[in-house]
């Protein structure tokens, strides 16, 4: 160690000679050894940029309730801002970003859902077997539902009549249709944490493997009341389609049942996952999200149960390299307040999405601030400065409002962000989130964590 300032040093006058001695017998004081050099770090410490742009005021807006958020600079990977970002919270429909990412990883962009008809065990009986395709449409050919390009029940019925007639030329009449929706467990058709009013208000249907048009009363309207019996509604529509397709027995009776290994008579398939992800995100389609979640469960051999979703999702998402140990997944749509998705996880996942060409369907499906999807009517007034520059997934359930996505900030930097307004909050949280997002847009890479 070095010598301390003010340390006393020995001098010649401090030695008293009491006896005269020969010069060669004198003892001369030795000089103090040189101090060891101070240790220095082996590598120079890189300078950290001094960021000076604060969002403390809009982040403290009481309309945001118990605010949590996380912002990442995509060029450097630096966390620019964090408030309780590591804490698991309900993400509302931000959950659908995880669903889209998991489906792409596990099922792949080309995966299609199938709806089949097989021969029944008894004469005159066929079985309509649901495979989870909520886009299957009961509208006649030439008319489009909210799922443009969806397969038609009319096509399935025409195939069925032709195949059944060929297989049973002496008794070609179909007199009974069994409805097999066993691919999704009946006990999991509705989660206990969901609000039943959402079904009547038209935001979601029961989660059944067999239904048509997402069980909407008006297939052309994204938000349309759903029924209490989506399986029966699909069965009635199919029976009518069989009659319209020329079934010699007219409109057959319908009842619940299961397939028993009969020969396949007909099949129609959904559009590929790569196309369905976009309307799921853009319009926040809960029914599509839930069917994707159950398909993930089946992919991993977990039976399509709601209880298996955390397991199925963490397996699918693990390959992206973002730790999944903080995730608790109750549903695939985000309707449940029991989901636990840390804001930091969503922001980090968006950072992966940004740089992965295989996930471009997700960025293509995100609503654009002030322009498309669930953001088409937001980011007005002073917040219009960020309109068109922010692509993000909105989220809303009781006492939870979220906004998570990507932006090109005013300084040109690319940022990933995830912002949660947590209860008690109301609809006023939406403009507050927009204002906060616009403040982040204005700060860009100069965003301070203070």
Foldseek 3Di string as FASTA:
>chain_A
DQDDPPDDDDDPVVDDDDDDDDPVPDDDDDDDDHDDDDDDDPDDDDDDDQFDFELVVLQPPCQLPQKWKWKAFLVVRDTFATDQQLWFFQQFQLLLLLLLLLCCQQVNQFDKFKWFKFAAPDPLEIETAFRQPQAAALDDPPDHFCQGPWHYLLQQLLLQLVQQCVVCVPRSARAEYAYHQPLAPPVQQDDPQFDPVQQQQQQAGGRTRDAYLRQFPGRRDNRGHHDPCRRVVRLQSNLCSNQVSPRVNHRHYYDHDHGDPGGIRGMDITGGSLVVSQCCQQALRQSVQQSSQLVLCVSVPNRSYLVCSLVSSCVSPVVLPQDDPQWDGRGRRSSGRPTTDRFVSSLVVQSSLVPDPSNVSNQNRFDFACCGGPRVPDLDDPRVVQGRFWGWGWRDDAQKTKTWHWGQAPVRTIMTMIMIRGPPHDPVVRNSVSVSVSSCSDSPPSYHHD
